[in-house]
Amino acid sequence: MTHPYFPVLMIFLFAGVIVVSFLFIAQLVGPKRPNPIKSEPFESGNPPKGDARIRFSVKFYMVAMLFLIFDLEVVFLYPWAILFRRLGLFGLVEMGIFLSVLIIGFIYVWRKGALEWE
């Protein structure tokens, strides 16, 4: 009799074999003679402009993080909408609490000015 986690172990083993084989194949067929032209960053066929290590404003990262946070929280609405009738009043109250926390967070971020682009 096999262990119940045996299929999961086999998937991890298979994934490990795939990763190691891809690394080995890349080592075999990869470039052997690097030169300065090949080592330049590729920018869609255009010659590179300036340094790749320019500083970005923190606003870019703030907007990206806020988008991810609110976007991922809204994803939780879909399963609730699918099971709305089965969850009944309990599900409605729980989603009301969840949306209240989401709206309070959104108002907090808005009042702090994190959504304003200057």
C-alpha atoms as a PDB file:
ATOM      1  CA  MET A   1       0.000   0.000   0.000  1.00  0.00           C
ATOM      2  CA  THR A   2       1.427   3.373  -0.988  1.00  0.00           C
ATOM      3  CA  HIS A   3       1.593   6.462   1.166  1.00  0.00           C
ATOM      4  CA  PRO A   4      -1.100   9.099   0.441  1.00  0.00           C
ATOM      5  CA  TYR A   5       1.572  11.723  -0.325  1.00  0.00           C
ATOM      6  CA  PHE A   6       3.393   9.500  -2.821  1.00  0.00           C
ATOM      7  CA  PRO A   7       1.896  11.264  -5.912  1.00  0.00           C
ATOM      8  CA  VAL A   8       2.981  14.657  -4.542  1.00  0.00           C
ATOM      9  CA  LEU A   9       6.486  13.313  -3.972  1.00  0.00           C
ATOM     10  CA  MET A  10       6.569  12.020  -7.536  1.00  0.00           C
ATOM     11  CA  ILE A  11       5.506  15.431  -8.901  1.00  0.00           C
ATOM     12  CA  PHE A  12       8.283  17.161  -6.932  1.00  0.00           C
ATOM     13  CA  LEU A  13      10.782  14.560  -8.146  1.00  0.00           C
ATOM     14  CA  PHE A  14       9.630  15.003 -11.747  1.00  0.00           C
ATOM     15  CA  ALA A  15       9.867  18.810 -11.429  1.00  0.00           C
ATOM     16  CA  GLY A  16      13.397  18.493 -10.020  1.00  0.00           C
ATOM     17  CA  VAL A  17      14.459  16.250 -12.899  1.00  0.00           C
ATOM     18  CA  ILE A  18      13.016  18.732 -15.409  1.00  0.00           C
ATOM     19  CA  VAL A  19      14.870  21.668 -13.795  1.00  0.00           C
ATOM     20  CA  VAL A  20      18.196  19.834 -13.669  1.00  0.00           C
ATOM     21  CA  SER A  21      17.819  18.630 -17.251  1.00  0.00           C
ATOM     22  CA  PHE A  22      17.011  22.170 -18.496  1.00  0.00           C
ATOM     23  CA  LEU A  23      20.080  23.533 -16.726  1.00  0.00           C
ATOM     24  CA  PHE A  24      22.232  20.784 -18.224  1.00  0.00           C
ATOM     25  CA  ILE A  25      20.883  21.372 -21.750  1.00  0.00           C
ATOM     26  CA  ALA A  26      21.406  25.151 -21.395  1.00  0.00           C
ATOM     27  CA  GLN A  27      25.009  24.503 -20.370  1.00  0.00           C
ATOM     28  CA  LEU A  28      25.545  22.262 -23.406  1.00  0.00           C
ATOM     29  CA  VAL A  29      23.988  24.454 -26.085  1.00  0.00           C
ATOM     30  CA  GLY A  30      24.539  27.887 -24.503  1.00  0.00           C
ATOM     31  CA  PRO A  31      26.953  30.519 -25.816  1.00  0.00           C
ATOM     32  CA  LYS A  32      30.583  29.540 -25.381  1.00  0.00           C
ATOM     33  CA  ARG A  33      32.439  32.690 -26.499  1.00  0.00           C
ATOM     34  CA  PRO A  34      31.065  35.818 -24.842  1.00  0.00           C
ATOM     35  CA  ASN A  35      32.139  39.176 -26.217  1.00  0.00           C
ATOM     36  CA  PRO A  36      31.206  42.791 -25.356  1.00  0.00           C
ATOM     37  CA  ILE A  37      28.575  43.038 -28.081  1.00  0.00           C
ATOM     38  CA  LYS A  38      26.828  39.851 -26.964  1.00  0.00           C
ATOM     39  CA  SER A  39      26.991  40.965 -23.331  1.00  0.00           C
ATOM     40  CA  GLU A  40      25.086  44.215 -23.960  1.00  0.00           C
ATOM     41  CA  PRO A  41      21.502  44.354 -22.734  1.00  0.00           C
ATOM     42  CA  PHE A  42      18.938  43.782 -25.469  1.00  0.00           C
ATOM     43  CA  GLU A  43      16.162  46.388 -25.656  1.00  0.00           C
ATOM     44  CA  SER A  44      13.871  45.210 -28.445  1.00  0.00           C
ATOM     45  CA  GLY A  45      16.449  45.815 -31.148  1.00  0.00           C
ATOM     46  CA  ASN A  46      17.109  49.411 -30.092  1.00  0.00           C
ATOM     47  CA  PRO A  47      20.504  50.533 -28.871  1.00  0.00           C
ATOM     48  CA  PRO A  48      20.541  50.885 -25.075  1.00  0.00           C
ATOM     49  CA  LYS A  49      20.035  54.415 -23.765  1.00  0.00           C
ATOM     50  CA  GLY A  50      21.712  55.487 -20.548  1.00  0.00           C
ATOM     51  CA  ASP A  51      22.435  53.434 -17.473  1.00  0.00           C
ATOM     52  CA  ALA A  52      20.195  50.524 -16.526  1.00  0.00           C
ATOM     53  CA  ARG A  53      20.470  51.451 -12.850  1.00  0.00           C
ATOM     54  CA  ILE A  54      18.465  54.674 -12.859  1.00  0.00           C
ATOM     55  CA  ARG A  55      16.537  55.582  -9.727  1.00  0.00           C
ATOM     56  CA  PHE A  56      12.769  55.417  -9.810  1.00  0.00           C
ATOM     57  CA  SER A  57      10.452  57.345  -7.561  1.00  0.00           C
ATOM     58  CA  VAL A  58       8.940  55.445  -4.664  1.00  0.00           C
ATOM     59  CA  LYS A  59       5.523  56.358  -6.094  1.00  0.00           C
ATOM     60  CA  PHE A  60       5.929  53.694  -8.806  1.00  0.00           C
ATOM     61  CA  TYR A  61       6.415  51.000  -6.189  1.00  0.00           C
ATOM     62  CA  MET A  62       3.649  52.340  -3.951  1.00  0.00           C
ATOM     63  CA  VAL A  63       1.118  52.309  -6.781  1.00  0.00           C
ATOM     64  CA  ALA A  64       2.195  48.804  -7.810  1.00  0.00           C
ATOM     65  CA  MET A  65       1.927  47.449  -4.258  1.00  0.00           C
ATOM     66  CA  LEU A  66      -1.431  49.102  -3.663  1.00  0.00           C
ATOM     67  CA  PHE A  67      -2.743  47.752  -6.958  1.00  0.00           C
ATOM     68  CA  LEU A  68      -1.652  44.235  -6.045  1.00  0.00           C
ATOM     69  CA  ILE A  69      -3.093  44.434  -2.553  1.00  0.00           C
ATOM     70  CA  PHE A  70      -6.510  45.722  -3.617  1.00  0.00           C
ATOM     71  CA  ASP A  71      -6.608  43.555  -6.734  1.00  0.00           C
ATOM     72  CA  LEU A  72      -5.882  40.370  -4.801  1.00  0.00           C
ATOM     73  CA  GLU A  73      -8.428  41.234  -2.161  1.00  0.00           C
ATOM     74  CA  VAL A  74     -11.103  41.726  -4.800  1.00  0.00           C
ATOM     75  CA  VAL A  75     -10.295  38.267  -6.191  1.00  0.00           C
ATOM     76  CA  PHE A  76     -11.805  36.842  -2.985  1.00  0.00           C
ATOM     77  CA  LEU A  77     -15.196  38.197  -4.076  1.00  0.00           C
ATOM     78  CA  TYR A  78     -15.500  35.703  -6.933  1.00  0.00           C
ATOM     79  CA  PRO A  79     -15.717  32.470  -4.861  1.00  0.00           C
ATOM     80  CA  TRP A  80     -18.111  34.212  -2.488  1.00  0.00           C
ATOM     81  CA  ALA A  81     -20.342  35.218  -5.393  1.00  0.00           C
ATOM     82  CA  ILE A  82     -20.364  31.641  -6.685  1.00  0.00           C
ATOM     83  CA  LEU A  83     -21.352  30.183  -3.285  1.00  0.00           C
ATOM     84  CA  PHE A  84     -23.570  33.094  -2.231  1.00  0.00           C
ATOM     85  CA  ARG A  85     -26.790  31.088  -1.854  1.00  0.00           C
ATOM     86  CA  ARG A  86     -25.142  28.216   0.036  1.00  0.00           C
ATOM     87  CA  LEU A  87     -23.363  30.527   2.494  1.00  0.00           C
ATOM     88  CA  GLY A  88     -26.550  32.326   3.430  1.00  0.00           C
ATOM     89  CA  LEU A  89     -26.628  35.061   6.057  1.00  0.00           C
ATOM     90  CA  PHE A  90     -23.302  33.973   7.591  1.00  0.00           C
ATOM     91  CA  GLY A  91     -21.514  34.455   4.264  1.00  0.00           C
ATOM     92  CA  LEU A  92     -23.186  37.823   3.746  1.00  0.00           C
ATOM     93  CA  VAL A  93     -22.036  39.076   7.168  1.00  0.00           C
ATOM     94  CA  GLU A  94     -18.507  37.748   6.654  1.00  0.00           C
ATOM     95  CA  MET A  95     -18.232  39.418   3.247  1.00  0.00           C
ATOM     96  CA  GLY A  96     -19.624  42.624   4.724  1.00  0.00           C
ATOM     97  CA  ILE A  97     -16.822  42.589   7.313  1.00  0.00           C
ATOM     98  CA  PHE A  98     -14.252  41.832   4.619  1.00  0.00           C
ATOM     99  CA  LEU A  99     -15.491  44.652   2.379  1.00  0.00           C
ATOM    100  CA  SER A 100     -15.599  47.029   5.350  1.00  0.00           C
ATOM    101  CA  VAL A 101     -11.922  46.348   6.081  1.00  0.00           C
ATOM    102  CA  LEU A 102     -11.135  46.775   2.376  1.00  0.00           C
ATOM    103  CA  ILE A 103     -12.993  50.085   2.154  1.00  0.00           C
ATOM    104  CA  ILE A 104     -11.426  51.392   5.371  1.00  0.00           C
ATOM    105  CA  GLY A 105      -7.980  50.527   3.977  1.00  0.00           C
ATOM    106  CA  PHE A 106      -8.804  52.258   0.706  1.00  0.00           C
ATOM    107  CA  ILE A 107     -10.006  55.408   2.495  1.00  0.00           C
ATOM    108  CA  TYR A 108      -6.856  55.397   4.652  1.00  0.00           C
ATOM    109  CA  VAL A 109      -4.609  55.150   1.589  1.00  0.00           C
ATOM    110  CA  TRP A 110      -6.603  57.865  -0.176  1.00  0.00           C
ATOM    111  CA  ARG A 111      -6.400  60.265   2.782  1.00  0.00           C
ATOM    112  CA  LYS A 112      -2.649  59.688   3.137  1.00  0.00           C
ATOM    113  CA  GLY A 113      -2.263  60.818  -0.472  1.00  0.00           C
ATOM    114  CA  ALA A 114      -0.725  57.591  -1.753  1.00  0.00           C
ATOM    115  CA  LEU A 115      -3.006  57.609  -4.792  1.00  0.00           C
ATOM    116  CA  GLU A 116      -2.127  61.145  -5.905  1.00  0.00           C
ATOM    117  CA  TRP A 117       0.406  61.390  -8.684  1.00  0.00           C
ATOM    118  CA  GLU A 118       2.617  64.464  -8.585  1.00  0.00           C
END
